[in-house]
Amino acid sequence: MSLPQANTPFSAADYLAWDSERIEKSEFYHGEVFAMSGASRRP
């Protein structure tokens, strides 16, 4: 059995840079990123 991985929180600037490259939308909350189901960017 393996140990759980430690979560390294994103800074707001890191998240914005990372999110601008992604097709799927996500939510940033207190340094954590959560996928938004059923959401997509409109062209």
N, C-alpha and C. Protein backbone atom coordinates (compact mmCIF):
# COMPACT_ATOMS: atom_id res chain seq x y z
N MET A 1 0.85 -1.17 0.00
CA MET A 1 0.00 0.00 0.00
C MET A 1 0.90 1.23 0.00
N SER A 2 0.51 2.22 -0.76
CA SER A 2 1.30 3.45 -0.82
C SER A 2 0.67 4.55 0.02
N LEU A 3 1.48 5.51 0.37
CA LEU A 3 1.00 6.64 1.15
C LEU A 3 0.37 7.68 0.23
N PRO A 4 -0.60 8.44 0.72
CA PRO A 4 -1.19 9.49 -0.11
C PRO A 4 -0.18 10.56 -0.47
N GLN A 5 -0.33 11.13 -1.64
CA GLN A 5 0.55 12.20 -2.09
C GLN A 5 0.18 13.50 -1.38
N ALA A 6 1.19 14.26 -1.01
CA ALA A 6 0.94 15.57 -0.40
C ALA A 6 0.47 16.54 -1.49
N ASN A 7 -0.53 17.34 -1.18
CA ASN A 7 -1.03 18.34 -2.13
C ASN A 7 -0.22 19.61 -1.99
N THR A 8 0.29 20.09 -3.12
CA THR A 8 1.00 21.35 -3.14
C THR A 8 0.04 22.40 -3.68
N PRO A 9 -0.35 23.37 -2.86
CA PRO A 9 -1.33 24.35 -3.32
C PRO A 9 -0.79 25.24 -4.43
N PHE A 10 -1.67 25.62 -5.34
CA PHE A 10 -1.35 26.57 -6.40
C PHE A 10 -1.41 27.98 -5.83
N SER A 11 -0.58 28.87 -6.35
CA SER A 11 -0.79 30.29 -6.06
C SER A 11 -1.81 30.77 -7.09
N ALA A 12 -2.42 31.90 -6.85
CA ALA A 12 -3.41 32.42 -7.79
C ALA A 12 -2.78 32.67 -9.16
N ALA A 13 -1.56 33.19 -9.20
CA ALA A 13 -0.87 33.45 -10.47
C ALA A 13 -0.57 32.15 -11.21
N ASP A 14 -0.11 31.13 -10.48
CA ASP A 14 0.16 29.82 -11.09
C ASP A 14 -1.12 29.23 -11.67
N TYR A 15 -2.21 29.32 -10.93
CA TYR A 15 -3.48 28.78 -11.41
C TYR A 15 -3.94 29.49 -12.68
N LEU A 16 -3.87 30.80 -12.72
CA LEU A 16 -4.32 31.55 -13.90
C LEU A 16 -3.49 31.20 -15.12
N ALA A 17 -2.18 31.04 -14.96
CA ALA A 17 -1.33 30.65 -16.08
C ALA A 17 -1.67 29.24 -16.55
N TRP A 18 -1.86 28.33 -15.63
CA TRP A 18 -2.19 26.95 -15.96
C TRP A 18 -3.58 26.86 -16.59
N ASP A 19 -4.56 27.56 -16.05
CA ASP A 19 -5.93 27.48 -16.53
C ASP A 19 -6.10 28.07 -17.93
N SER A 20 -5.30 29.06 -18.27
CA SER A 20 -5.43 29.69 -19.59
C SER A 20 -5.06 28.73 -20.71
N GLU A 21 -4.32 27.65 -20.40
CA GLU A 21 -3.90 26.67 -21.40
C GLU A 21 -4.86 25.50 -21.52
N ARG A 22 -5.84 25.42 -20.65
CA ARG A 22 -6.73 24.26 -20.60
C ARG A 22 -8.04 24.50 -21.33
N ILE A 23 -8.60 23.42 -21.87
CA ILE A 23 -9.91 23.49 -22.52
C ILE A 23 -11.02 23.37 -21.48
N GLU A 24 -10.86 22.41 -20.54
CA GLU A 24 -11.85 22.20 -19.51
C GLU A 24 -11.78 23.32 -18.47
N LYS A 25 -12.92 23.66 -17.91
CA LYS A 25 -12.94 24.69 -16.87
C LYS A 25 -12.72 24.05 -15.50
N SER A 26 -12.17 24.83 -14.62
CA SER A 26 -11.94 24.37 -13.26
C SER A 26 -12.17 25.54 -12.31
N GLU A 27 -12.24 25.21 -11.04
CA GLU A 27 -12.47 26.21 -10.01
C GLU A 27 -11.27 26.22 -9.07
N PHE A 28 -10.85 27.40 -8.66
CA PHE A 28 -9.72 27.58 -7.75
C PHE A 28 -10.27 28.03 -6.41
N TYR A 29 -9.97 27.27 -5.35
CA TYR A 29 -10.48 27.60 -4.02
C TYR A 29 -9.42 27.29 -2.98
N HIS A 30 -8.93 28.31 -2.31
CA HIS A 30 -7.93 28.16 -1.24
C HIS A 30 -6.73 27.31 -1.67
N GLY A 31 -6.20 27.59 -2.86
CA GLY A 31 -5.00 26.90 -3.32
C GLY A 31 -5.24 25.54 -3.93
N GLU A 32 -6.49 25.09 -4.00
CA GLU A 32 -6.80 23.80 -4.60
C GLU A 32 -7.60 24.01 -5.87
N VAL A 33 -7.46 23.07 -6.81
CA VAL A 33 -8.15 23.16 -8.09
C VAL A 33 -9.16 22.02 -8.17
N PHE A 34 -10.39 22.36 -8.57
CA PHE A 34 -11.46 21.38 -8.68
C PHE A 34 -12.03 21.45 -10.10
N ALA A 35 -12.23 20.27 -10.71
CA ALA A 35 -12.84 20.22 -12.04
C ALA A 35 -14.31 20.60 -11.91
N MET A 36 -14.80 21.32 -12.91
CA MET A 36 -16.21 21.70 -12.95
C MET A 36 -16.89 20.77 -13.95
N SER A 37 -17.71 19.88 -13.48
CA SER A 37 -18.35 18.92 -14.37
C SER A 37 -19.40 19.61 -15.23
N GLY A 38 -19.45 19.19 -16.47
CA GLY A 38 -20.45 19.72 -17.40
C GLY A 38 -20.15 21.11 -17.90
N ALA A 39 -19.03 21.68 -17.56
CA ALA A 39 -18.70 23.03 -17.99
C ALA A 39 -17.65 22.99 -19.08
N SER A 40 -17.78 23.88 -20.02
CA SER A 40 -16.76 24.02 -21.06
C SER A 40 -16.72 25.47 -21.52
N ARG A 41 -15.62 25.86 -22.09
CA ARG A 41 -15.49 27.22 -22.60
C ARG A 41 -16.22 27.31 -23.93
N ARG A 42 -16.90 28.41 -24.14
CA ARG A 42 -17.58 28.61 -25.43
C ARG A 42 -16.62 29.28 -26.39
N PRO A 43 -16.56 28.76 -27.62
CA PRO A 43 -15.64 29.37 -28.60
C PRO A 43 -16.07 30.75 -29.04
